[in-house]
Amino acid sequence: MINGQNLSATGGNPVMKSYTIGTQGLGAGVTVYAAGFYEAPLASAALTQAAATVNYGAANRATAAHAFLVASGAGSVNAGSCSIVVSGTSFMGDGTRVPGDSEVIVADITAMSANQYFETSKKWLGQVTFTLTPSGAATYSATFNYGFTKYDDFGNVNFTVNQVEAVGLAGANDADFDVQLIHHNSAGWTYSAAAFVPGPAPVLSLVTDYATDDEIDNGYGFAWKRRDLSIDVEGSMSEGVILRMVTTANNAVQFCNMHIGVSYR
């Protein structure tokens, strides 16, 4: 039993994880994450044989996240084939750090489809480079959004989300506040040339539940809880969960404690 709820009803052992986030000192209109994160530029990359690379991240940053891309559609080649390769310093959960490592994220750019999501199996530190890598092609091109993602897969296992909760203290008045649960997977992504929002649509949202009662007031507590859920996540297959908190006011949240309850499958 956790908080009076039998999380083992769907099988496996119940597990509750907790995370704490806030927005103090981050400015107005910030989005922060718990249990993982998305990082991506708003604008897409349009690569060709004349400019075949795009970098992302910053040197020596402790990112340890998967690189991803979302295709605008099929790429083109005049002959042969062309792949997209991610290169940089990789780091895996067994403690292996490999400078100068690389991984093919897209094997054939002409087989990509609109809004299709691709993710490296490896995690990366610092800066990575996405490179169009031809084989027998003289001219080639591909356009895509790109970035980093980290998500909680509860130890690379399959699980069911039974409960989510957020409890915090407001640091300012915010009339457009939201907390969201995202089921990270390869479905539901949307390419954008100049206004990319990374991630699938949230499966749960405070705004959806509360409608117009989504405001937080300086110095007052706020809370959101959903239970009796049954959200299946294939953590063994590059899926996971991410919590996202959206604010519009400067220093909107002093702190927010977030909890996810799951049962293993």
C-alpha atoms as a PDB file:
ATOM      1  CA  MET A   1       0.000   0.000   0.000  1.00  0.00           C
ATOM      2  CA  ILE A   2       1.210   3.537  -0.874  1.00  0.00           C
ATOM      3  CA  ASN A   3      -0.896   6.497   0.266  1.00  0.00           C
ATOM      4  CA  GLY A   4      -3.734   4.068   0.818  1.00  0.00           C
ATOM      5  CA  GLN A   5      -3.563   2.730  -2.735  1.00  0.00           C
ATOM      6  CA  ASN A   6      -2.774  -0.869  -3.670  1.00  0.00           C
ATOM      7  CA  LEU A   7      -0.375  -0.277  -6.532  1.00  0.00           C
ATOM      8  CA  SER A   8       0.303  -3.980  -6.939  1.00  0.00           C
ATOM      9  CA  ALA A   9      -3.221  -4.554  -8.259  1.00  0.00           C
ATOM     10  CA  THR A  10      -1.878  -4.647 -11.824  1.00  0.00           C
ATOM     11  CA  GLY A  11       0.983  -6.976 -10.906  1.00  0.00           C
ATOM     12  CA  GLY A  12       4.571  -6.582  -9.717  1.00  0.00           C
ATOM     13  CA  ASN A  13       5.970  -4.640  -6.797  1.00  0.00           C
ATOM     14  CA  PRO A  14       4.756  -1.082  -6.145  1.00  0.00           C
ATOM     15  CA  VAL A  15       7.363   1.672  -6.518  1.00  0.00           C
ATOM     16  CA  MET A  16       7.079   5.397  -5.765  1.00  0.00           C
ATOM     17  CA  LYS A  17       9.660   7.903  -7.034  1.00  0.00           C
ATOM     18  CA  SER A  18       9.841  11.546  -5.954  1.00  0.00           C
ATOM     19  CA  TYR A  19      11.406  14.614  -7.576  1.00  0.00           C
ATOM     20  CA  THR A  20      11.709  18.282  -6.527  1.00  0.00           C
ATOM     21  CA  ILE A  21      11.866  21.246  -8.931  1.00  0.00           C
ATOM     22  CA  GLY A  22      11.301  25.025  -8.900  1.00  0.00           C
ATOM     23  CA  THR A  23      11.714  28.097 -11.067  1.00  0.00           C
ATOM     24  CA  GLN A  24      13.460  30.549  -8.716  1.00  0.00           C
ATOM     25  CA  GLY A  25      16.032  32.636 -10.574  1.00  0.00           C
ATOM     26  CA  LEU A  26      15.107  31.246 -13.989  1.00  0.00           C
ATOM     27  CA  GLY A  27      13.022  34.192 -15.231  1.00  0.00           C
ATOM     28  CA  ALA A  28       9.515  34.421 -16.634  1.00  0.00           C
ATOM     29  CA  GLY A  29       7.792  31.961 -18.915  1.00  0.00           C
ATOM     30  CA  VAL A  30      10.046  29.019 -18.157  1.00  0.00           C
ATOM     31  CA  THR A  31       9.349  25.321 -18.563  1.00  0.00           C
ATOM     32  CA  VAL A  32      11.132  22.929 -16.218  1.00  0.00           C
ATOM     33  CA  TYR A  33      11.211  19.148 -16.065  1.00  0.00           C
ATOM     34  CA  ALA A  34      11.402  16.335 -13.521  1.00  0.00           C
ATOM     35  CA  ALA A  35      12.175  12.637 -14.052  1.00  0.00           C
ATOM     36  CA  GLY A  36      13.988  13.675 -17.224  1.00  0.00           C
ATOM     37  CA  PHE A  37      13.961  16.488 -19.768  1.00  0.00           C
ATOM     38  CA  TYR A  38      13.756  17.579 -23.385  1.00  0.00           C
ATOM     39  CA  GLU A  39      16.220  20.057 -24.906  1.00  0.00           C
ATOM     40  CA  ALA A  40      15.905  21.237 -28.497  1.00  0.00           C
ATOM     41  CA  PRO A  41      16.211  24.423 -30.574  1.00  0.00           C
ATOM     42  CA  LEU A  42      13.043  25.949 -31.994  1.00  0.00           C
ATOM     43  CA  ALA A  43      14.387  25.893 -35.561  1.00  0.00           C
ATOM     44  CA  SER A  44      15.062  22.776 -37.606  1.00  0.00           C
ATOM     45  CA  ALA A  45      18.266  21.881 -39.447  1.00  0.00           C
ATOM     46  CA  ALA A  46      18.223  21.738 -43.266  1.00  0.00           C
ATOM     47  CA  LEU A  47      21.375  19.827 -44.185  1.00  0.00           C
ATOM     48  CA  THR A  48      22.831  19.204 -47.648  1.00  0.00           C
ATOM     49  CA  GLN A  49      26.124  18.049 -49.145  1.00  0.00           C
ATOM     50  CA  ALA A  50      27.231  21.708 -48.945  1.00  0.00           C
ATOM     51  CA  ALA A  51      26.567  21.924 -45.188  1.00  0.00           C
ATOM     52  CA  ALA A  52      26.244  18.374 -43.903  1.00  0.00           C
ATOM     53  CA  THR A  53      26.545  18.841 -40.128  1.00  0.00           C
ATOM     54  CA  VAL A  54      24.779  20.505 -37.230  1.00  0.00           C
ATOM     55  CA  ASN A  55      26.014  20.606 -33.616  1.00  0.00           C
ATOM     56  CA  TYR A  56      23.990  20.531 -30.440  1.00  0.00           C
ATOM     57  CA  GLY A  57      24.878  20.873 -26.760  1.00  0.00           C
ATOM     58  CA  ALA A  58      27.907  22.486 -25.124  1.00  0.00           C
ATOM     59  CA  ALA A  59      31.389  21.193 -24.414  1.00  0.00           C
ATOM     60  CA  ASN A  60      31.902  19.526 -21.025  1.00  0.00           C
ATOM     61  CA  ARG A  61      28.218  19.721 -20.076  1.00  0.00           C
ATOM     62  CA  ALA A  62      27.041  16.748 -17.959  1.00  0.00           C
ATOM     63  CA  THR A  63      24.031  16.030 -20.178  1.00  0.00           C
ATOM     64  CA  ALA A  64      24.095  12.203 -20.298  1.00  0.00           C
ATOM     65  CA  ALA A  65      21.044  12.104 -22.568  1.00  0.00           C
ATOM     66  CA  HIS A  66      19.927  10.379 -25.753  1.00  0.00           C
ATOM     67  CA  ALA A  67      20.194  12.362 -28.989  1.00  0.00           C
ATOM     68  CA  PHE A  68      17.039  12.453 -31.087  1.00  0.00           C
ATOM     69  CA  LEU A  69      15.663  13.853 -34.319  1.00  0.00           C
ATOM     70  CA  VAL A  70      12.204  14.334 -35.836  1.00  0.00           C
ATOM     71  CA  ALA A  71      12.066  14.242 -39.634  1.00  0.00           C
ATOM     72  CA  SER A  72      10.234  16.774 -41.797  1.00  0.00           C
ATOM     73  CA  GLY A  73       9.793  14.016 -44.371  1.00  0.00           C
ATOM     74  CA  ALA A  74      11.914  11.856 -46.627  1.00  0.00           C
ATOM     75  CA  GLY A  75      15.425  13.003 -47.430  1.00  0.00           C
ATOM     76  CA  SER A  76      16.842  12.936 -50.940  1.00  0.00           C
ATOM     77  CA  VAL A  77      19.897  11.483 -52.686  1.00  0.00           C
ATOM     78  CA  ASN A  78      20.912  11.498 -56.355  1.00  0.00           C
ATOM     79  CA  ALA A  79      22.433   8.003 -56.145  1.00  0.00           C
ATOM     80  CA  GLY A  80      23.492   5.422 -53.608  1.00  0.00           C
ATOM     81  CA  SER A  81      22.334   6.151 -50.076  1.00  0.00           C
ATOM     82  CA  CYS A  82      22.852   8.500 -47.139  1.00  0.00           C
ATOM     83  CA  SER A  83      22.609   7.982 -43.387  1.00  0.00           C
ATOM     84  CA  ILE A  84      22.618  10.363 -40.413  1.00  0.00           C
ATOM     85  CA  VAL A  85      25.343   9.732 -37.835  1.00  0.00           C
ATOM     86  CA  VAL A  86      25.549  11.194 -34.311  1.00  0.00           C
ATOM     87  CA  SER A  87      29.073  11.600 -32.949  1.00  0.00           C
ATOM     88  CA  GLY A  88      30.612  12.844 -29.711  1.00  0.00           C
ATOM     89  CA  THR A  89      31.440  11.470 -26.275  1.00  0.00           C
ATOM     90  CA  SER A  90      29.099   8.689 -25.218  1.00  0.00           C
ATOM     91  CA  PHE A  91      28.419   7.491 -21.677  1.00  0.00           C
ATOM     92  CA  MET A  92      26.413   4.443 -20.712  1.00  0.00           C
ATOM     93  CA  GLY A  93      24.913   3.218 -17.455  1.00  0.00           C
ATOM     94  CA  ASP A  94      27.693   0.677 -16.888  1.00  0.00           C
ATOM     95  CA  GLY A  95      30.131   3.577 -16.491  1.00  0.00           C
ATOM     96  CA  THR A  96      31.713   3.365 -19.957  1.00  0.00           C
ATOM     97  CA  ARG A  97      32.781   6.768 -21.334  1.00  0.00           C
ATOM     98  CA  VAL A  98      33.916   6.783 -24.989  1.00  0.00           C
ATOM     99  CA  PRO A  99      35.293  10.011 -26.522  1.00  0.00           C
ATOM    100  CA  GLY A 100      35.045  10.113 -30.314  1.00  0.00           C
ATOM    101  CA  ASP A 101      32.173   7.649 -30.398  1.00  0.00           C
ATOM    102  CA  SER A 102      29.428   7.545 -33.034  1.00  0.00           C
ATOM    103  CA  GLU A 103      26.087   5.912 -33.781  1.00  0.00           C
ATOM    104  CA  VAL A 104      23.889   5.748 -36.869  1.00  0.00           C
ATOM    105  CA  ILE A 105      20.568   7.318 -35.884  1.00  0.00           C
ATOM    106  CA  VAL A 106      18.983   7.082 -39.372  1.00  0.00           C
ATOM    107  CA  ALA A 107      20.172   4.352 -41.736  1.00  0.00           C
ATOM    108  CA  ASP A 108      18.489   5.703 -44.886  1.00  0.00           C
ATOM    109  CA  ILE A 109      17.281   9.294 -45.117  1.00  0.00           C
ATOM    110  CA  THR A 110      15.033   8.504 -48.093  1.00  0.00           C
ATOM    111  CA  ALA A 111      13.022   6.118 -45.875  1.00  0.00           C
ATOM    112  CA  MET A 112      12.170   8.827 -43.320  1.00  0.00           C
ATOM    113  CA  SER A 113       8.569  10.024 -43.098  1.00  0.00           C
ATOM    114  CA  ALA A 114       6.972  13.232 -41.840  1.00  0.00           C
ATOM    115  CA  ASN A 115       7.037  13.561 -38.033  1.00  0.00           C
ATOM    116  CA  GLN A 116       8.969  10.292 -37.632  1.00  0.00           C
ATOM    117  CA  TYR A 117      10.997  10.106 -34.403  1.00  0.00           C
ATOM    118  CA  PHE A 118      14.501   8.622 -34.126  1.00  0.00           C
ATOM    119  CA  GLU A 119      16.617   8.219 -30.974  1.00  0.00           C
ATOM    120  CA  THR A 120      20.138   6.950 -30.282  1.00  0.00           C
ATOM    121  CA  SER A 121      20.553   3.981 -27.986  1.00  0.00           C
ATOM    122  CA  LYS A 122      23.629   5.681 -26.525  1.00  0.00           C
ATOM    123  CA  LYS A 123      23.663   8.672 -24.198  1.00  0.00           C
ATOM    124  CA  TRP A 124      25.961  11.622 -24.836  1.00  0.00           C
ATOM    125  CA  LEU A 125      28.007  14.142 -22.861  1.00  0.00           C
ATOM    126  CA  GLY A 126      28.830  17.694 -23.914  1.00  0.00           C
ATOM    127  CA  GLN A 127      28.293  18.501 -27.583  1.00  0.00           C
ATOM    128  CA  VAL A 128      27.199  16.112 -30.328  1.00  0.00           C
ATOM    129  CA  THR A 129      27.274  16.437 -34.106  1.00  0.00           C
ATOM    130  CA  PHE A 130      24.577  15.223 -36.501  1.00  0.00           C
ATOM    131  CA  THR A 131      26.192  14.420 -39.877  1.00  0.00           C
ATOM    132  CA  LEU A 132      24.729  13.447 -43.243  1.00  0.00           C
ATOM    133  CA  THR A 133      26.965  10.537 -44.287  1.00  0.00           C
ATOM    134  CA  PRO A 134      26.652   9.507 -47.963  1.00  0.00           C
ATOM    135  CA  SER A 135      27.532   6.236 -49.636  1.00  0.00           C
ATOM    136  CA  GLY A 136      27.798   6.673 -53.405  1.00  0.00           C
ATOM    137  CA  ALA A 137      25.794   9.924 -53.372  1.00  0.00           C
ATOM    138  CA  ALA A 138      27.057  13.260 -54.685  1.00  0.00           C
ATOM    139  CA  THR A 139      24.046  15.354 -53.721  1.00  0.00           C
ATOM    140  CA  TYR A 140      21.856  14.695 -50.704  1.00  0.00           C
ATOM    141  CA  SER A 141      19.665  16.568 -48.215  1.00  0.00           C
ATOM    142  CA  ALA A 142      17.557  16.060 -45.097  1.00  0.00           C
ATOM    143  CA  THR A 143      15.603  18.394 -42.814  1.00  0.00           C
ATOM    144  CA  PHE A 144      14.806  17.609 -39.196  1.00  0.00           C
ATOM    145  CA  ASN A 145      14.377  18.863 -35.641  1.00  0.00           C
ATOM    146  CA  TYR A 146      16.940  17.608 -33.147  1.00  0.00           C
ATOM    147  CA  GLY A 147      17.952  17.673 -29.501  1.00  0.00           C
ATOM    148  CA  PHE A 148      18.462  15.674 -26.303  1.00  0.00           C
ATOM    149  CA  THR A 149      16.090  13.636 -24.174  1.00  0.00           C
ATOM    150  CA  LYS A 150      16.376  11.993 -20.761  1.00  0.00           C
ATOM    151  CA  TYR A 151      13.461  10.057 -19.268  1.00  0.00           C
ATOM    152  CA  ASP A 152      12.811   7.776 -16.320  1.00  0.00           C
ATOM    153  CA  ASP A 153      12.415   4.143 -17.398  1.00  0.00           C
ATOM    154  CA  PHE A 154      12.573   2.789 -13.824  1.00  0.00           C
ATOM    155  CA  GLY A 155      15.646   0.709 -14.576  1.00  0.00           C
ATOM    156  CA  ASN A 156      14.851  -0.283 -18.175  1.00  0.00           C
ATOM    157  CA  VAL A 157      11.800  -2.331 -17.182  1.00  0.00           C
ATOM    158  CA  ASN A 158       8.161  -2.396 -18.301  1.00  0.00           C
ATOM    159  CA  PHE A 159       5.820  -0.749 -15.821  1.00  0.00           C
ATOM    160  CA  THR A 160       2.353   0.736 -15.360  1.00  0.00           C
ATOM    161  CA  VAL A 161       1.866   4.254 -14.006  1.00  0.00           C
ATOM    162  CA  ASN A 162      -0.814   4.140 -11.315  1.00  0.00           C
ATOM    163  CA  GLN A 163      -0.475   7.545  -9.667  1.00  0.00           C
ATOM    164  CA  VAL A 164       0.999  11.009 -10.221  1.00  0.00           C
ATOM    165  CA  GLU A 165       1.082  13.905  -7.770  1.00  0.00           C
ATOM    166  CA  ALA A 166       2.488  17.432  -7.541  1.00  0.00           C
ATOM    167  CA  VAL A 167       2.487  19.555  -4.362  1.00  0.00           C
ATOM    168  CA  GLY A 168       4.253  22.905  -4.130  1.00  0.00           C
ATOM    169  CA  LEU A 169       4.454  26.520  -3.010  1.00  0.00           C
ATOM    170  CA  ALA A 170       3.954  29.450  -5.376  1.00  0.00           C
ATOM    171  CA  GLY A 171       6.586  32.200  -5.465  1.00  0.00           C
ATOM    172  CA  ALA A 172       4.500  34.584  -7.588  1.00  0.00           C
ATOM    173  CA  ASN A 173       1.046  34.929  -9.114  1.00  0.00           C
ATOM    174  CA  ASP A 174       0.746  32.905 -12.325  1.00  0.00           C
ATOM    175  CA  ALA A 175      -2.541  32.830 -14.240  1.00  0.00           C
ATOM    176  CA  ASP A 176      -1.480  30.145 -16.724  1.00  0.00           C
ATOM    177  CA  PHE A 177       0.214  27.370 -14.754  1.00  0.00           C
ATOM    178  CA  ASP A 178       0.361  23.698 -15.743  1.00  0.00           C
ATOM    179  CA  VAL A 179       1.850  20.370 -14.681  1.00  0.00           C
ATOM    180  CA  GLN A 180       1.936  17.566 -17.247  1.00  0.00           C
ATOM    181  CA  LEU A 181       2.793  13.873 -17.362  1.00  0.00           C
ATOM    182  CA  ILE A 182       4.409  12.785 -20.631  1.00  0.00           C
ATOM    183  CA  HIS A 183       4.668   9.180 -21.780  1.00  0.00           C
ATOM    184  CA  HIS A 184       7.936   9.318 -23.697  1.00  0.00           C
ATOM    185  CA  ASN A 185       7.831   7.103 -26.780  1.00  0.00           C
ATOM    186  CA  SER A 186       8.287   7.340 -30.542  1.00  0.00           C
ATOM    187  CA  ALA A 187       4.648   8.227 -31.342  1.00  0.00           C
ATOM    188  CA  GLY A 188       2.940  11.605 -31.447  1.00  0.00           C
ATOM    189  CA  TRP A 189       5.879  13.883 -32.318  1.00  0.00           C
ATOM    190  CA  THR A 190       5.385  16.894 -34.625  1.00  0.00           C
ATOM    191  CA  TYR A 191       8.063  18.441 -36.825  1.00  0.00           C
ATOM    192  CA  SER A 192       8.257  22.241 -36.977  1.00  0.00           C
ATOM    193  CA  ALA A 193      10.524  24.448 -39.081  1.00  0.00           C
ATOM    194  CA  ALA A 194      10.664  27.290 -36.540  1.00  0.00           C
ATOM    195  CA  ALA A 195       8.547  26.492 -33.447  1.00  0.00           C
ATOM    196  CA  PHE A 196       9.448  22.958 -32.425  1.00  0.00           C
ATOM    197  CA  VAL A 197       8.004  21.627 -29.144  1.00  0.00           C
ATOM    198  CA  PRO A 198       9.774  18.384 -28.196  1.00  0.00           C
ATOM    199  CA  GLY A 199       7.854  15.375 -26.957  1.00  0.00           C
ATOM    200  CA  PRO A 200       4.534  13.659 -27.497  1.00  0.00           C
ATOM    201  CA  ALA A 201       1.369  15.339 -26.215  1.00  0.00           C
ATOM    202  CA  PRO A 202       0.941  14.951 -22.430  1.00  0.00           C
ATOM    203  CA  VAL A 203      -1.192  12.039 -21.311  1.00  0.00           C
ATOM    204  CA  LEU A 204      -2.283  13.980 -18.198  1.00  0.00           C
ATOM    205  CA  SER A 205      -2.440  17.710 -17.440  1.00  0.00           C
ATOM    206  CA  LEU A 206      -3.438  19.894 -14.500  1.00  0.00           C
ATOM    207  CA  VAL A 207      -5.036  22.372 -16.929  1.00  0.00           C
ATOM    208  CA  THR A 208      -7.107  19.631 -18.561  1.00  0.00           C
ATOM    209  CA  ASP A 209      -8.344  18.490 -15.142  1.00  0.00           C
ATOM    210  CA  TYR A 210      -8.851  21.897 -13.494  1.00  0.00           C
ATOM    211  CA  ALA A 211     -10.046  23.931 -16.520  1.00  0.00           C
ATOM    212  CA  THR A 212     -10.080  27.629 -15.458  1.00  0.00           C
ATOM    213  CA  ASP A 213      -8.933  26.828 -11.902  1.00  0.00           C
ATOM    214  CA  ASP A 214      -5.271  26.577 -12.929  1.00  0.00           C
ATOM    215  CA  GLU A 215      -3.922  29.749 -11.286  1.00  0.00           C
ATOM    216  CA  ILE A 216      -1.334  29.822  -8.493  1.00  0.00           C
ATOM    217  CA  ASP A 217      -0.941  32.720  -6.043  1.00  0.00           C
ATOM    218  CA  ASN A 218       2.230  33.990  -4.372  1.00  0.00           C
ATOM    219  CA  GLY A 219       2.808  32.377  -0.978  1.00  0.00           C
ATOM    220  CA  TYR A 220       0.019  29.806  -1.329  1.00  0.00           C
ATOM    221  CA  GLY A 221       0.281  26.091  -1.830  1.00  0.00           C
ATOM    222  CA  PHE A 222      -0.980  24.209  -4.872  1.00  0.00           C
ATOM    223  CA  ALA A 223      -1.603  20.541  -5.530  1.00  0.00           C
ATOM    224  CA  TRP A 224      -2.614  18.112  -8.278  1.00  0.00           C
ATOM    225  CA  LYS A 225      -3.103  14.374  -7.919  1.00  0.00           C
ATOM    226  CA  ARG A 226      -4.374  11.585 -10.164  1.00  0.00           C
ATOM    227  CA  ARG A 227      -4.751   7.974  -9.030  1.00  0.00           C
ATOM    228  CA  ASP A 228      -6.255   4.714 -10.279  1.00  0.00           C
ATOM    229  CA  LEU A 229      -4.328   5.180 -13.537  1.00  0.00           C
ATOM    230  CA  SER A 230      -3.286   2.427 -15.938  1.00  0.00           C
ATOM    231  CA  ILE A 231      -0.639   3.871 -18.274  1.00  0.00           C
ATOM    232  CA  ASP A 232       1.562   1.090 -19.656  1.00  0.00           C
ATOM    233  CA  VAL A 233       5.160   2.095 -20.384  1.00  0.00           C
ATOM    234  CA  GLU A 234       7.644  -0.179 -22.167  1.00  0.00           C
ATOM    235  CA  GLY A 235      10.745   0.884 -20.255  1.00  0.00           C
ATOM    236  CA  SER A 236      12.726  -1.972 -21.787  1.00  0.00           C
ATOM    237  CA  MET A 237      11.997  -0.543 -25.254  1.00  0.00           C
ATOM    238  CA  SER A 238      13.240   3.079 -24.956  1.00  0.00           C
ATOM    239  CA  GLU A 239      10.060   4.395 -23.349  1.00  0.00           C
ATOM    240  CA  GLY A 240       9.733   6.291 -20.087  1.00  0.00           C
ATOM    241  CA  VAL A 241       7.998   9.080 -18.199  1.00  0.00           C
ATOM    242  CA  ILE A 242       8.738  12.800 -17.879  1.00  0.00           C
ATOM    243  CA  LEU A 243       7.032  15.453 -15.741  1.00  0.00           C
ATOM    244  CA  ARG A 244       6.828  18.955 -17.220  1.00  0.00           C
ATOM    245  CA  MET A 245       5.892  22.151 -15.355  1.00  0.00           C
ATOM    246  CA  VAL A 246       4.913  25.202 -17.415  1.00  0.00           C
ATOM    247  CA  THR A 247       4.957  28.719 -15.918  1.00  0.00           C
ATOM    248  CA  THR A 248       4.421  32.227 -17.287  1.00  0.00           C
ATOM    249  CA  ALA A 249       5.418  34.469 -14.342  1.00  0.00           C
ATOM    250  CA  ASN A 250       8.872  35.312 -13.023  1.00  0.00           C
ATOM    251  CA  ASN A 251       9.862  33.030 -10.099  1.00  0.00           C
ATOM    252  CA  ALA A 252       6.417  31.418 -10.224  1.00  0.00           C
ATOM    253  CA  VAL A 253       7.255  28.342  -8.137  1.00  0.00           C
ATOM    254  CA  GLN A 254       9.304  28.279  -4.930  1.00  0.00           C
ATOM    255  CA  PHE A 255       9.356  24.493  -5.013  1.00  0.00           C
ATOM    256  CA  CYS A 256       7.262  21.593  -6.231  1.00  0.00           C
ATOM    257  CA  ASN A 257       7.509  18.020  -4.972  1.00  0.00           C
ATOM    258  CA  MET A 258       6.417  15.511  -7.606  1.00  0.00           C
ATOM    259  CA  HIS A 259       5.694  11.799  -7.232  1.00  0.00           C
ATOM    260  CA  ILE A 260       5.093   8.968  -9.686  1.00  0.00           C
ATOM    261  CA  GLY A 261       3.730   5.640  -8.482  1.00  0.00           C
ATOM    262  CA  VAL A 262       4.149   2.553 -10.694  1.00  0.00           C
ATOM    263  CA  SER A 263       3.903  -1.214 -10.608  1.00  0.00           C
ATOM    264  CA  TYR A 264       6.294  -3.409 -12.554  1.00  0.00           C
ATOM    265  CA  ARG A 265       4.941  -5.727 -15.239  1.00  0.00           C
END
